[in-house]
Amino acid sequence: MKHAWHIIILVVLVALLLGIICIGVGYMTGADMSRIVSVLDANYNLSGYYQYFSQFSAELSNVLAA
């Protein structure tokens, strides 16, 4: 099982590295950040995830404060 976790972590790190490289290449070839963010938001619904996590953190802080 330990070997499987090493493979999973390696795959995730490689995917993150490829994503960072792709965004960097897009930025260096003249794309502005608003265009990159709009394309990522259209494909992966980043604004939905942001809203979900902000609501979740607000509810969590309310529960922990009570």
Protein backbone atom coordinates (compact mmCIF):
# COMPACT_ATOMS: atom_id res chain seq x y z
CA MET A 1 0.00 0.00 0.00
CA LYS A 2 2.89 2.33 0.73
CA HIS A 3 4.20 1.82 -2.80
CA ALA A 4 0.77 2.71 -4.24
CA TRP A 5 0.71 6.01 -2.32
CA HIS A 6 4.11 6.91 -3.71
CA ILE A 7 2.80 6.33 -7.24
CA ILE A 8 -0.36 8.36 -6.57
CA ILE A 9 1.62 11.27 -5.13
CA LEU A 10 4.02 11.12 -8.07
CA VAL A 11 1.16 11.25 -10.59
CA VAL A 12 -0.46 14.20 -8.79
CA LEU A 13 2.83 16.11 -8.65
CA VAL A 14 3.50 15.49 -12.34
CA ALA A 15 -0.02 16.70 -13.21
CA LEU A 16 0.47 19.86 -11.13
CA LEU A 17 3.84 20.48 -12.73
CA LEU A 18 2.40 20.08 -16.23
CA GLY A 19 -0.43 22.46 -15.37
CA ILE A 20 1.98 25.08 -14.06
CA ILE A 21 4.16 24.70 -17.16
CA CYS A 22 1.15 25.07 -19.48
CA ILE A 23 -0.07 28.19 -17.69
CA GLY A 24 3.46 29.61 -17.71
CA VAL A 25 3.88 28.98 -21.44
CA GLY A 26 0.51 30.55 -22.11
CA TYR A 27 1.49 33.58 -20.07
CA MET A 28 4.86 33.91 -21.81
CA THR A 29 3.33 33.69 -25.30
CA GLY A 30 1.20 36.75 -24.76
CA ALA A 31 -1.93 35.57 -23.02
CA ASP A 32 -3.06 37.81 -20.20
CA MET A 33 -4.07 36.36 -16.84
CA SER A 34 -7.75 37.28 -17.22
CA ARG A 35 -7.94 35.19 -20.40
CA ILE A 36 -6.17 32.24 -18.75
CA VAL A 37 -8.51 32.43 -15.75
CA SER A 38 -11.60 32.70 -17.97
CA VAL A 39 -10.54 29.61 -19.97
CA LEU A 40 -9.83 27.63 -16.78
CA ASP A 41 -13.12 28.80 -15.27
CA ALA A 42 -15.03 27.77 -18.39
CA ASN A 43 -13.46 24.30 -18.37
CA TYR A 44 -13.25 23.56 -14.64
CA ASN A 45 -15.85 25.88 -13.02
CA LEU A 46 -13.32 27.52 -10.72
CA SER A 47 -15.79 30.17 -9.55
CA GLY A 48 -18.18 27.45 -8.38
CA TYR A 49 -15.45 25.77 -6.35
CA TYR A 50 -14.42 29.15 -4.91
CA GLN A 51 -17.99 29.90 -3.85
CA TYR A 52 -18.40 26.43 -2.34
CA PHE A 53 -15.20 26.67 -0.29
CA SER A 54 -15.94 30.22 0.87
CA GLN A 55 -19.43 29.18 2.04
CA PHE A 56 -18.01 26.05 3.67
CA SER A 57 -15.34 27.99 5.52
CA ALA A 58 -17.88 30.58 6.70
CA GLU A 59 -20.20 27.85 8.02
CA LEU A 60 -17.27 26.06 9.63
CA SER A 61 -16.13 29.20 11.39
CA ASN A 62 -19.70 29.81 12.63
CA VAL A 63 -19.90 26.28 14.01
CA LEU A 64 -16.50 26.50 15.67
CA ALA A 65 -17.27 29.93 17.16
CA ALA A 66 -20.49 28.73 18.78
